[in-house]
Amino acid sequence: MDTKPFWTWFQDNNERLTMLNDLENKEQTQLLGELQEQLDDFCPGLTYEMSEPTPQGRTLTFSAEGDMDLFEAVVALTDEAPDIDWWEFVAFKQPNGKNVKVTFDKYHFASKDMYFQQLESEEEPDILGLRIALPDPVKDDDDQLVGVYVTIEAMIGEFDCATLIGYLDTCPLPKEPFKEGFRPMDDLPEFIEWFKAKRDREH
């Protein structure tokens, strides 16, 4: 994978990218579009997220949008990133932990209102199944299920979400979720760390 053309373009446009917030809206849109075009030229399917500036600089996060076939490209791009003042380059969307709020399509998700239950598989013990209990689920709605996945991704990060979770479904929130084996969704990041440690011990 030749990352050089992307990083050459980035360095050539570093000053404009660094001063992005000082540009006119039209120029900002054009520059960010060019950045995505360069990313597409390197590997179609990759996306990026750019943080707001801080006194320490900006973070540019490269994502495969959960497509494990593209993970190698994300790693290559960040591993071969040049050292550029004021920029940090990160592979994959990072975990935000608990108390997450996500809007996807017409749906709004708040982790504090959700519960999860582990679904185990004897055939694939290293893969995690999750049943997510929602206050107002809509049956057989793919957009809602994708929104739940995006919420989980925001909580535990893109890499763990893509590599650990093999099955996901939703159900109505029981009146007494704890009695039916559900845990608060905000416990999920801690549970994921426990699951990974358990898997590593067993191998």
N, C-alpha and C. Protein backbone atom coordinates (compact mmCIF):
# COMPACT_ATOMS: atom_id res chain seq x y z
N MET A 1 0.84 -1.20 0.00
CA MET A 1 0.00 0.00 0.00
C MET A 1 0.88 1.25 0.00
N ASP A 2 0.70 2.06 -1.00
CA ASP A 2 1.53 3.25 -1.13
C ASP A 2 0.83 4.44 -0.47
N THR A 3 1.28 4.80 0.71
CA THR A 3 0.69 5.93 1.44
C THR A 3 1.33 7.26 1.06
N LYS A 4 2.41 7.22 0.29
CA LYS A 4 3.17 8.44 0.02
C LYS A 4 2.34 9.54 -0.66
N PRO A 5 1.53 9.23 -1.71
CA PRO A 5 0.76 10.31 -2.36
C PRO A 5 -0.17 11.03 -1.38
N PHE A 6 -0.81 10.28 -0.47
CA PHE A 6 -1.70 10.93 0.49
C PHE A 6 -0.91 11.86 1.39
N TRP A 7 0.18 11.37 1.95
CA TRP A 7 0.92 12.21 2.91
C TRP A 7 1.65 13.36 2.23
N THR A 8 2.03 13.18 0.98
CA THR A 8 2.62 14.30 0.23
C THR A 8 1.59 15.41 0.05
N TRP A 9 0.36 15.02 -0.32
CA TRP A 9 -0.71 16.02 -0.46
C TRP A 9 -0.97 16.69 0.89
N PHE A 10 -1.03 15.91 1.95
CA PHE A 10 -1.32 16.48 3.27
C PHE A 10 -0.25 17.50 3.66
N GLN A 11 1.02 17.16 3.47
CA GLN A 11 2.09 18.09 3.83
C GLN A 11 2.06 19.34 2.96
N ASP A 12 1.74 19.16 1.67
CA ASP A 12 1.66 20.31 0.77
C ASP A 12 0.52 21.25 1.18
N ASN A 13 -0.51 20.71 1.82
CA ASN A 13 -1.68 21.52 2.21
C ASN A 13 -1.77 21.71 3.72
N ASN A 14 -0.70 21.42 4.41
CA ASN A 14 -0.71 21.47 5.87
C ASN A 14 -1.09 22.85 6.40
N GLU A 15 -0.55 23.89 5.79
CA GLU A 15 -0.84 25.24 6.29
C GLU A 15 -2.33 25.55 6.17
N ARG A 16 -2.94 25.22 5.04
CA ARG A 16 -4.37 25.47 4.86
C ARG A 16 -5.20 24.63 5.83
N LEU A 17 -4.80 23.36 6.03
CA LEU A 17 -5.52 22.49 6.94
C LEU A 17 -5.40 22.97 8.38
N THR A 18 -4.22 23.45 8.74
CA THR A 18 -4.01 23.95 10.09
C THR A 18 -4.86 25.18 10.36
N MET A 19 -5.01 26.02 9.35
CA MET A 19 -5.78 27.26 9.49
C MET A 19 -7.22 27.10 9.00
N LEU A 20 -7.71 25.88 9.01
CA LEU A 20 -9.02 25.56 8.44
C LEU A 20 -10.12 26.49 8.94
N ASN A 21 -10.18 26.74 10.24
CA ASN A 21 -11.26 27.55 10.81
C ASN A 21 -11.21 29.01 10.38
N ASP A 22 -10.07 29.44 9.84
CA ASP A 22 -9.94 30.83 9.39
C ASP A 22 -10.34 31.00 7.93
N LEU A 23 -10.61 29.88 7.26
CA LEU A 23 -10.97 29.96 5.84
C LEU A 23 -12.46 30.26 5.69
N GLU A 24 -12.82 30.81 4.54
CA GLU A 24 -14.23 31.00 4.21
C GLU A 24 -14.92 29.63 4.11
N ASN A 25 -16.23 29.61 4.38
CA ASN A 25 -16.97 28.35 4.39
C ASN A 25 -16.79 27.55 3.10
N LYS A 26 -16.84 28.25 1.97
CA LYS A 26 -16.72 27.58 0.69
C LYS A 26 -15.35 26.93 0.55
N GLU A 27 -14.31 27.63 0.99
CA GLU A 27 -12.95 27.09 0.89
C GLU A 27 -12.76 25.93 1.86
N GLN A 28 -13.38 26.04 3.06
CA GLN A 28 -13.33 24.93 4.01
C GLN A 28 -13.92 23.66 3.40
N THR A 29 -15.12 23.80 2.82
CA THR A 29 -15.81 22.66 2.23
C THR A 29 -14.99 22.05 1.11
N GLN A 30 -14.39 22.91 0.28
CA GLN A 30 -13.58 22.42 -0.83
C GLN A 30 -12.35 21.66 -0.33
N LEU A 31 -11.68 22.21 0.69
CA LEU A 31 -10.47 21.59 1.21
C LEU A 31 -10.78 20.24 1.85
N LEU A 32 -11.85 20.18 2.64
CA LEU A 32 -12.22 18.91 3.27
C LEU A 32 -12.65 17.88 2.23
N GLY A 33 -13.27 18.35 1.16
CA GLY A 33 -13.62 17.46 0.06
C GLY A 33 -12.37 16.90 -0.62
N GLU A 34 -11.36 17.75 -0.78
CA GLU A 34 -10.10 17.29 -1.37
C GLU A 34 -9.43 16.25 -0.48
N LEU A 35 -9.52 16.46 0.85
CA LEU A 35 -8.95 15.50 1.79
C LEU A 35 -9.62 14.13 1.63
N GLN A 36 -10.95 14.12 1.51
CA GLN A 36 -11.65 12.85 1.32
C GLN A 36 -11.30 12.23 -0.02
N GLU A 37 -11.14 13.05 -1.05
CA GLU A 37 -10.76 12.53 -2.37
C GLU A 37 -9.38 11.85 -2.31
N GLN A 38 -8.45 12.45 -1.59
CA GLN A 38 -7.12 11.86 -1.44
C GLN A 38 -7.21 10.53 -0.70
N LEU A 39 -8.09 10.49 0.30
CA LEU A 39 -8.28 9.26 1.07
C LEU A 39 -8.90 8.19 0.17
N ASP A 40 -9.86 8.59 -0.68
CA ASP A 40 -10.49 7.65 -1.63
C ASP A 40 -9.46 7.11 -2.62
N ASP A 41 -8.55 7.98 -3.06
CA ASP A 41 -7.52 7.54 -4.00
C ASP A 41 -6.60 6.50 -3.36
N PHE A 42 -6.34 6.67 -2.07
CA PHE A 42 -5.49 5.71 -1.36
C PHE A 42 -6.24 4.40 -1.14
N CYS A 43 -7.47 4.49 -0.63
CA CYS A 43 -8.25 3.28 -0.36
C CYS A 43 -9.73 3.64 -0.28
N PRO A 44 -10.52 3.33 -1.29
CA PRO A 44 -11.96 3.62 -1.24
C PRO A 44 -12.61 2.95 -0.04
N GLY A 45 -13.46 3.70 0.64
CA GLY A 45 -14.15 3.16 1.80
C GLY A 45 -13.67 3.73 3.12
N LEU A 46 -12.47 4.34 3.11
CA LEU A 46 -11.98 4.97 4.33
C LEU A 46 -12.62 6.34 4.52
N THR A 47 -12.81 6.71 5.77
CA THR A 47 -13.32 8.04 6.10
C THR A 47 -12.41 8.65 7.16
N TYR A 48 -12.70 9.89 7.52
CA TYR A 48 -11.91 10.54 8.56
C TYR A 48 -12.81 11.38 9.45
N GLU A 49 -12.33 11.64 10.65
CA GLU A 49 -12.96 12.59 11.55
C GLU A 49 -11.89 13.54 12.04
N MET A 50 -12.17 14.82 11.98
CA MET A 50 -11.20 15.83 12.41
C MET A 50 -11.73 16.52 13.66
N SER A 51 -10.91 16.53 14.69
CA SER A 51 -11.34 17.15 15.95
C SER A 51 -11.31 18.66 15.84
N GLU A 52 -11.96 19.32 16.78
CA GLU A 52 -11.82 20.76 16.89
C GLU A 52 -10.42 21.09 17.39
N PRO A 53 -9.88 22.25 17.03
CA PRO A 53 -8.52 22.58 17.47
C PRO A 53 -8.45 22.84 18.97
N THR A 54 -7.34 22.47 19.56
CA THR A 54 -7.03 22.76 20.95
C THR A 54 -5.66 23.44 20.97
N PRO A 55 -5.23 23.93 22.12
CA PRO A 55 -3.88 24.52 22.18
C PRO A 55 -2.79 23.53 21.76
N GLN A 56 -3.07 22.22 21.90
CA GLN A 56 -2.09 21.21 21.51
C GLN A 56 -2.21 20.81 20.04
N GLY A 57 -3.31 21.21 19.39
CA GLY A 57 -3.46 20.89 17.98
C GLY A 57 -4.76 20.16 17.68
N ARG A 58 -4.77 19.48 16.55
CA ARG A 58 -5.95 18.72 16.11
C ARG A 58 -5.61 17.24 16.02
N THR A 59 -6.65 16.42 16.14
CA THR A 59 -6.53 14.98 15.92
C THR A 59 -7.29 14.61 14.65
N LEU A 60 -6.63 13.86 13.78
CA LEU A 60 -7.27 13.35 12.57
C LEU A 60 -7.38 11.83 12.72
N THR A 61 -8.61 11.34 12.79
CA THR A 61 -8.86 9.93 13.01
C THR A 61 -9.30 9.29 11.70
N PHE A 62 -8.62 8.23 11.31
CA PHE A 62 -8.98 7.49 10.09
C PHE A 62 -9.83 6.29 10.47
N SER A 63 -10.87 6.05 9.70
CA SER A 63 -11.82 4.98 10.02
C SER A 63 -12.08 4.10 8.80
N ALA A 64 -12.29 2.82 9.09
CA ALA A 64 -12.73 1.88 8.05
C ALA A 64 -14.22 1.67 8.11
N GLU A 65 -14.91 2.46 8.95
CA GLU A 65 -16.36 2.33 9.15
C GLU A 65 -16.73 0.89 9.51
N GLY A 66 -15.87 0.25 10.31
CA GLY A 66 -16.16 -1.09 10.79
C GLY A 66 -15.91 -2.22 9.80
N ASP A 67 -15.42 -1.89 8.60
CA ASP A 67 -15.14 -2.91 7.58
C ASP A 67 -13.76 -3.51 7.83
N MET A 68 -13.72 -4.73 8.35
CA MET A 68 -12.44 -5.33 8.73
C MET A 68 -11.53 -5.56 7.53
N ASP A 69 -12.08 -5.65 6.33
CA ASP A 69 -11.25 -5.80 5.13
C ASP A 69 -10.38 -4.57 4.88
N LEU A 70 -10.77 -3.44 5.47
CA LEU A 70 -10.03 -2.19 5.26
C LEU A 70 -9.16 -1.83 6.45
N PHE A 71 -9.15 -2.66 7.49
CA PHE A 71 -8.37 -2.34 8.69
C PHE A 71 -6.88 -2.19 8.37
N GLU A 72 -6.39 -3.05 7.49
CA GLU A 72 -4.96 -3.01 7.14
C GLU A 72 -4.59 -1.65 6.55
N ALA A 73 -5.48 -1.09 5.74
CA ALA A 73 -5.22 0.21 5.12
C ALA A 73 -5.17 1.32 6.16
N VAL A 74 -6.07 1.27 7.15
CA VAL A 74 -6.08 2.27 8.21
C VAL A 74 -4.78 2.22 9.01
N VAL A 75 -4.36 1.00 9.35
CA VAL A 75 -3.13 0.83 10.12
C VAL A 75 -1.92 1.32 9.32
N ALA A 76 -1.86 0.98 8.04
CA ALA A 76 -0.74 1.42 7.21
C ALA A 76 -0.67 2.93 7.14
N LEU A 77 -1.82 3.56 6.96
CA LEU A 77 -1.84 5.02 6.82
C LEU A 77 -1.34 5.71 8.09
N THR A 78 -1.77 5.23 9.25
CA THR A 78 -1.35 5.87 10.50
C THR A 78 0.09 5.49 10.86
N ASP A 79 0.47 4.25 10.60
CA ASP A 79 1.85 3.84 10.91
C ASP A 79 2.87 4.63 10.10
N GLU A 80 2.50 5.01 8.89
CA GLU A 80 3.45 5.69 8.01
C GLU A 80 3.22 7.21 7.96
N ALA A 81 2.44 7.70 8.92
CA ALA A 81 2.20 9.14 8.97
C ALA A 81 3.47 9.89 9.33
N PRO A 82 3.76 10.97 8.64
CA PRO A 82 4.94 11.77 9.00
C PRO A 82 4.69 12.52 10.31
N ASP A 83 5.78 12.99 10.91
CA ASP A 83 5.68 13.78 12.14
C ASP A 83 5.43 15.23 11.74
N ILE A 84 4.19 15.67 11.93
CA ILE A 84 3.79 17.02 11.53
C ILE A 84 3.34 17.77 12.77
N ASP A 85 3.99 18.91 13.02
CA ASP A 85 3.63 19.72 14.19
C ASP A 85 2.13 20.02 14.20
N TRP A 86 1.53 19.93 15.41
CA TRP A 86 0.15 20.33 15.67
C TRP A 86 -0.86 19.30 15.22
N TRP A 87 -0.40 18.14 14.70
CA TRP A 87 -1.33 17.10 14.26
C TRP A 87 -1.03 15.79 14.97
N GLU A 88 -2.10 15.08 15.34
CA GLU A 88 -2.00 13.71 15.83
C GLU A 88 -2.88 12.85 14.93
N PHE A 89 -2.32 11.74 14.46
CA PHE A 89 -3.04 10.85 13.55
C PHE A 89 -3.37 9.55 14.28
N VAL A 90 -4.65 9.17 14.24
CA VAL A 90 -5.15 8.05 15.04
C VAL A 90 -5.85 7.04 14.15
N ALA A 91 -5.61 5.76 14.42
CA ALA A 91 -6.29 4.68 13.69
C ALA A 91 -7.57 4.28 14.42
N PHE A 92 -8.68 4.33 13.72
CA PHE A 92 -9.98 3.86 14.18
C PHE A 92 -10.64 4.84 15.18
N LYS A 93 -11.96 4.88 15.10
CA LYS A 93 -12.73 5.68 16.04
C LYS A 93 -12.50 5.17 17.45
N GLN A 94 -12.20 6.07 18.36
CA GLN A 94 -11.81 5.70 19.71
C GLN A 94 -13.03 5.58 20.63
N PRO A 95 -12.91 4.79 21.70
CA PRO A 95 -14.03 4.64 22.63
C PRO A 95 -14.28 5.90 23.44
N ASN A 96 -15.56 6.20 23.65
CA ASN A 96 -15.95 7.35 24.47
C ASN A 96 -16.42 6.94 25.86
N GLY A 97 -16.53 5.63 26.10
CA GLY A 97 -16.95 5.17 27.42
C GLY A 97 -18.45 5.26 27.62
N LYS A 98 -18.84 5.52 28.85
CA LYS A 98 -20.26 5.51 29.21
C LYS A 98 -20.92 6.86 28.96
N ASN A 99 -22.22 6.90 29.24
CA ASN A 99 -23.03 8.12 29.11
C ASN A 99 -22.92 8.72 27.71
N VAL A 100 -23.19 7.89 26.72
CA VAL A 100 -23.09 8.28 25.31
C VAL A 100 -24.48 8.60 24.76
N LYS A 101 -24.54 9.63 23.92
CA LYS A 101 -25.78 9.97 23.21
C LYS A 101 -25.48 9.98 21.72
N VAL A 102 -26.34 9.31 20.95
CA VAL A 102 -26.14 9.18 19.51
C VAL A 102 -27.45 9.45 18.79
N THR A 103 -27.36 10.19 17.70
CA THR A 103 -28.51 10.37 16.81
C THR A 103 -28.20 9.70 15.49
N PHE A 104 -29.09 8.83 15.04
CA PHE A 104 -28.91 8.14 13.77
C PHE A 104 -30.26 8.10 13.07
N ASP A 105 -30.28 8.70 11.86
CA ASP A 105 -31.53 8.80 11.12
C ASP A 105 -32.57 9.49 12.01
N LYS A 106 -33.73 8.89 12.22
CA LYS A 106 -34.77 9.52 13.03
C LYS A 106 -34.68 9.11 14.50
N TYR A 107 -33.69 8.30 14.84
CA TYR A 107 -33.60 7.75 16.19
C TYR A 107 -32.59 8.48 17.06
N HIS A 108 -32.90 8.53 18.35
CA HIS A 108 -31.99 9.11 19.34
C HIS A 108 -31.74 8.04 20.41
N PHE A 109 -30.47 7.81 20.70
CA PHE A 109 -30.09 6.78 21.66
C PHE A 109 -29.29 7.42 22.79
N ALA A 110 -29.63 7.03 24.01
CA ALA A 110 -28.88 7.45 25.20
C ALA A 110 -28.52 6.19 25.97
N SER A 111 -27.24 5.98 26.18
CA SER A 111 -26.82 4.72 26.81
C SER A 111 -27.42 4.55 28.20
N LYS A 112 -27.70 5.64 28.89
CA LYS A 112 -28.25 5.54 30.24
C LYS A 112 -29.67 4.94 30.25
N ASP A 113 -30.33 4.94 29.10
CA ASP A 113 -31.69 4.40 29.01
C ASP A 113 -31.72 2.99 28.42
N MET A 114 -30.56 2.41 28.16
CA MET A 114 -30.48 1.13 27.46
C MET A 114 -29.86 0.07 28.37
N TYR A 115 -30.16 -1.19 28.06
CA TYR A 115 -29.61 -2.32 28.81
C TYR A 115 -29.08 -3.35 27.82
N PHE A 116 -28.14 -4.18 28.28
CA PHE A 116 -27.61 -5.21 27.39
C PHE A 116 -27.57 -6.57 28.10
N GLN A 117 -27.55 -7.59 27.28
CA GLN A 117 -27.46 -8.97 27.76
C GLN A 117 -26.53 -9.73 26.83
N GLN A 118 -25.62 -10.49 27.41
CA GLN A 118 -24.71 -11.28 26.59
C GLN A 118 -25.42 -12.50 26.03
N LEU A 119 -25.19 -12.78 24.74
CA LEU A 119 -25.69 -13.99 24.09
C LEU A 119 -24.49 -14.86 23.76
N GLU A 120 -24.41 -16.02 24.38
CA GLU A 120 -23.23 -16.87 24.22
C GLU A 120 -23.44 -17.92 23.13
N SER A 121 -22.34 -18.26 22.48
CA SER A 121 -22.37 -19.28 21.43
C SER A 121 -21.29 -20.31 21.71
N GLU A 122 -21.68 -21.58 21.84
CA GLU A 122 -20.70 -22.63 22.06
C GLU A 122 -19.79 -22.81 20.85
N GLU A 123 -20.34 -22.57 19.65
CA GLU A 123 -19.56 -22.74 18.43
C GLU A 123 -18.51 -21.65 18.27
N GLU A 124 -18.83 -20.42 18.70
CA GLU A 124 -17.90 -19.29 18.56
C GLU A 124 -17.78 -18.56 19.90
N PRO A 125 -17.09 -19.15 20.85
CA PRO A 125 -17.00 -18.54 22.18
C PRO A 125 -16.23 -17.23 22.22
N ASP A 126 -15.39 -16.98 21.20
CA ASP A 126 -14.60 -15.75 21.18
C ASP A 126 -15.35 -14.58 20.55
N ILE A 127 -16.54 -14.86 20.02
CA ILE A 127 -17.34 -13.82 19.40
C ILE A 127 -18.50 -13.49 20.34
N LEU A 128 -18.76 -12.21 20.48
CA LEU A 128 -19.76 -11.75 21.45
C LEU A 128 -21.08 -11.46 20.77
N GLY A 129 -22.14 -12.01 21.32
CA GLY A 129 -23.48 -11.63 20.90
C GLY A 129 -24.10 -10.73 21.95
N LEU A 130 -24.84 -9.74 21.50
CA LEU A 130 -25.47 -8.79 22.43
C LEU A 130 -26.95 -8.62 22.09
N ARG A 131 -27.76 -8.64 23.11
CA ARG A 131 -29.17 -8.25 22.97
C ARG A 131 -29.33 -6.93 23.72
N ILE A 132 -29.83 -5.92 23.00
CA ILE A 132 -29.95 -4.58 23.58
C ILE A 132 -31.43 -4.29 23.83
N ALA A 133 -31.76 -3.99 25.07
CA ALA A 133 -33.12 -3.65 25.46
C ALA A 133 -33.32 -2.14 25.34
N LEU A 134 -34.34 -1.75 24.58
CA LEU A 134 -34.62 -0.35 24.31
C LEU A 134 -35.98 0.04 24.89
N PRO A 135 -36.12 1.29 25.31
CA PRO A 135 -37.42 1.74 25.85
C PRO A 135 -38.55 1.66 24.83
N ASP A 136 -38.25 2.04 23.57
CA ASP A 136 -39.30 2.05 22.54
C ASP A 136 -38.78 1.44 21.24
N PRO A 137 -38.54 0.14 21.20
CA PRO A 137 -38.00 -0.46 19.97
C PRO A 137 -39.05 -0.54 18.87
N VAL A 138 -38.56 -0.48 17.64
CA VAL A 138 -39.41 -0.67 16.47
C VAL A 138 -39.02 -2.00 15.84
N LYS A 139 -39.95 -2.91 15.71
CA LYS A 139 -39.65 -4.25 15.25
C LYS A 139 -39.16 -4.26 13.80
N ASP A 140 -38.10 -5.02 13.56
CA ASP A 140 -37.57 -5.25 12.21
C ASP A 140 -37.22 -3.95 11.50
N ASP A 141 -36.63 -3.01 12.21
CA ASP A 141 -36.20 -1.75 11.60
C ASP A 141 -34.68 -1.74 11.51
N ASP A 142 -34.16 -1.85 10.29
CA ASP A 142 -32.72 -1.92 10.09
C ASP A 142 -32.02 -0.64 10.54
N ASP A 143 -32.65 0.51 10.30
CA ASP A 143 -32.03 1.78 10.69
C ASP A 143 -31.85 1.85 12.20
N GLN A 144 -32.84 1.35 12.93
CA GLN A 144 -32.72 1.36 14.39
C GLN A 144 -31.57 0.44 14.83
N LEU A 145 -31.45 -0.73 14.20
CA LEU A 145 -30.38 -1.65 14.56
C LEU A 145 -29.01 -1.06 14.25
N VAL A 146 -28.90 -0.39 13.11
CA VAL A 146 -27.64 0.28 12.78
C VAL A 146 -27.33 1.37 13.81
N GLY A 147 -28.36 2.10 14.22
CA GLY A 147 -28.16 3.13 15.23
C GLY A 147 -27.66 2.57 16.55
N VAL A 148 -28.18 1.40 16.92
CA VAL A 148 -27.70 0.72 18.13
C VAL A 148 -26.23 0.34 17.97
N TYR A 149 -25.88 -0.18 16.78
CA TYR A 149 -24.48 -0.54 16.52
C TYR A 149 -23.58 0.70 16.62
N VAL A 150 -24.03 1.81 16.06
CA VAL A 150 -23.24 3.04 16.10
C VAL A 150 -23.06 3.50 17.56
N THR A 151 -24.09 3.31 18.37
CA THR A 151 -24.00 3.67 19.78
C THR A 151 -22.96 2.81 20.49
N ILE A 152 -23.00 1.52 20.22
CA ILE A 152 -22.00 0.61 20.81
C ILE A 152 -20.60 0.99 20.34
N GLU A 153 -20.46 1.28 19.06
CA GLU A 153 -19.16 1.69 18.51
C GLU A 153 -18.64 2.94 19.21
N ALA A 154 -19.54 3.88 19.47
CA ALA A 154 -19.13 5.11 20.16
C ALA A 154 -18.67 4.81 21.58
N MET A 155 -19.24 3.79 22.20
CA MET A 155 -18.89 3.46 23.58
C MET A 155 -17.58 2.70 23.68
N ILE A 156 -17.37 1.70 22.81
CA ILE A 156 -16.22 0.80 22.97
C ILE A 156 -15.17 0.96 21.88
N GLY A 157 -15.43 1.79 20.88
CA GLY A 157 -14.45 2.02 19.83
C GLY A 157 -14.67 1.12 18.62
N GLU A 158 -14.21 1.60 17.48
CA GLU A 158 -14.43 0.91 16.21
C GLU A 158 -13.78 -0.47 16.17
N PHE A 159 -12.55 -0.58 16.66
CA PHE A 159 -11.81 -1.84 16.53
C PHE A 159 -12.49 -2.95 17.33
N ASP A 160 -12.77 -2.69 18.61
CA ASP A 160 -13.40 -3.73 19.43
C ASP A 160 -14.80 -4.06 18.93
N CYS A 161 -15.53 -3.05 18.47
CA CYS A 161 -16.88 -3.28 17.99
C CYS A 161 -16.87 -4.22 16.78
N ALA A 162 -15.94 -3.99 15.86
CA ALA A 162 -15.90 -4.79 14.63
C ALA A 162 -15.33 -6.18 14.87
N THR A 163 -14.35 -6.31 15.76
CA THR A 163 -13.66 -7.59 15.92
C THR A 163 -14.30 -8.50 16.97
N LEU A 164 -15.09 -7.94 17.88
CA LEU A 164 -15.65 -8.75 18.96
C LEU A 164 -17.12 -9.11 18.77
N ILE A 165 -17.90 -8.18 18.23
CA ILE A 165 -19.35 -8.38 18.20
C ILE A 165 -19.77 -9.08 16.90
N GLY A 166 -20.28 -10.28 17.06
CA GLY A 166 -20.68 -11.06 15.88
C GLY A 166 -22.17 -11.14 15.69
N TYR A 167 -22.92 -10.79 16.72
CA TYR A 167 -24.38 -10.86 16.60
C TYR A 167 -24.99 -9.76 17.47
N LEU A 168 -26.03 -9.14 16.95
CA LEU A 168 -26.68 -8.04 17.66
C LEU A 168 -28.17 -8.04 17.36
N ASP A 169 -28.99 -7.96 18.40
CA ASP A 169 -30.41 -7.74 18.18
C ASP A 169 -30.97 -6.85 19.28
N THR A 170 -32.23 -6.51 19.15
CA THR A 170 -32.87 -5.61 20.12
C THR A 170 -34.15 -6.25 20.65
N CYS A 171 -34.62 -5.72 21.77
CA CYS A 171 -35.88 -6.19 22.35
C CYS A 171 -36.46 -5.06 23.19
N PRO A 172 -37.75 -5.17 23.54
CA PRO A 172 -38.33 -4.16 24.43
C PRO A 172 -37.68 -4.24 25.82
N LEU A 173 -37.61 -3.11 26.49
CA LEU A 173 -37.04 -3.05 27.83
C LEU A 173 -37.98 -3.74 28.82
N PRO A 174 -37.52 -4.80 29.49
CA PRO A 174 -38.39 -5.46 30.48
C PRO A 174 -38.69 -4.55 31.67
N LYS A 175 -39.78 -4.84 32.35
CA LYS A 175 -40.13 -4.05 33.53
C LYS A 175 -39.08 -4.19 34.61
N GLU A 176 -38.51 -5.37 34.71
CA GLU A 176 -37.45 -5.61 35.69
C GLU A 176 -36.24 -6.21 34.97
N PRO A 177 -35.44 -5.38 34.30
CA PRO A 177 -34.35 -5.88 33.45
C PRO A 177 -33.32 -6.71 34.20
N PHE A 178 -33.02 -6.35 35.45
CA PHE A 178 -31.99 -7.10 36.18
C PHE A 178 -32.42 -8.55 36.42
N LYS A 179 -33.71 -8.75 36.69
CA LYS A 179 -34.21 -10.10 36.94
C LYS A 179 -34.14 -10.98 35.69
N GLU A 180 -34.10 -10.33 34.52
CA GLU A 180 -34.05 -11.08 33.26
C GLU A 180 -32.63 -11.12 32.68
N GLY A 181 -31.65 -10.79 33.51
CA GLY A 181 -30.26 -10.94 33.10
C GLY A 181 -29.67 -9.79 32.33
N PHE A 182 -30.32 -8.63 32.34
CA PHE A 182 -29.79 -7.46 31.65
C PHE A 182 -28.94 -6.61 32.59
N ARG A 183 -28.00 -5.91 31.99
CA ARG A 183 -27.15 -4.98 32.74
C ARG A 183 -27.26 -3.60 32.11
N PRO A 184 -27.03 -2.53 32.89
CA PRO A 184 -27.07 -1.18 32.31
C PRO A 184 -26.07 -1.05 31.17
N MET A 185 -26.47 -0.40 30.11
CA MET A 185 -25.60 -0.23 28.95
C MET A 185 -24.29 0.47 29.32
N ASP A 186 -24.33 1.34 30.30
CA ASP A 186 -23.11 2.05 30.69
C ASP A 186 -22.08 1.12 31.33
N ASP A 187 -22.48 -0.13 31.62
CA ASP A 187 -21.51 -1.13 32.10
C ASP A 187 -20.78 -1.81 30.94
N LEU A 188 -21.21 -1.54 29.70
CA LEU A 188 -20.66 -2.28 28.56
C LEU A 188 -19.15 -2.10 28.39
N PRO A 189 -18.59 -0.88 28.45
CA PRO A 189 -17.13 -0.77 28.28
C PRO A 189 -16.35 -1.63 29.27
N GLU A 190 -16.77 -1.65 30.53
CA GLU A 190 -16.09 -2.47 31.53
C GLU A 190 -16.27 -3.95 31.21
N PHE A 191 -17.47 -4.34 30.76
CA PHE A 191 -17.73 -5.73 30.39
C PHE A 191 -16.85 -6.16 29.22
N ILE A 192 -16.67 -5.29 28.26
CA ILE A 192 -15.84 -5.61 27.09
C ILE A 192 -14.41 -5.89 27.53
N GLU A 193 -13.88 -5.08 28.43
CA GLU A 193 -12.52 -5.32 28.91
C GLU A 193 -12.43 -6.65 29.64
N TRP A 194 -13.46 -6.99 30.41
CA TRP A 194 -13.49 -8.28 31.09
C TRP A 194 -13.53 -9.42 30.07
N PHE A 195 -14.36 -9.28 29.03
CA PHE A 195 -14.50 -10.30 28.01
C PHE A 195 -13.18 -10.53 27.29
N LYS A 196 -12.47 -9.46 26.96
CA LYS A 196 -11.19 -9.59 26.26
C LYS A 196 -10.15 -10.27 27.15
N ALA A 197 -10.13 -9.89 28.43
CA ALA A 197 -9.17 -10.51 29.36
C ALA A 197 -9.47 -12.00 29.52
N LYS A 198 -10.74 -12.35 29.61
CA LYS A 198 -11.14 -13.76 29.75
C LYS A 198 -10.74 -14.54 28.51
N ARG A 199 -10.98 -13.97 27.34
CA ARG A 199 -10.62 -14.63 26.08
C ARG A 199 -9.11 -14.85 26.00
N ASP A 200 -8.35 -13.85 26.41
CA ASP A 200 -6.89 -13.97 26.34
C ASP A 200 -6.37 -15.03 27.31
N ARG A 201 -6.99 -15.13 28.49
CA ARG A 201 -6.58 -16.15 29.46
C ARG A 201 -6.84 -17.55 28.94
N GLU A 202 -7.92 -17.71 28.20
CA GLU A 202 -8.32 -19.03 27.72
C GLU A 202 -7.52 -19.46 26.49
N HIS A 203 -6.74 -18.54 25.95
CA HIS A 203 -5.90 -18.89 24.79
C HIS A 203 -4.44 -18.91 25.20
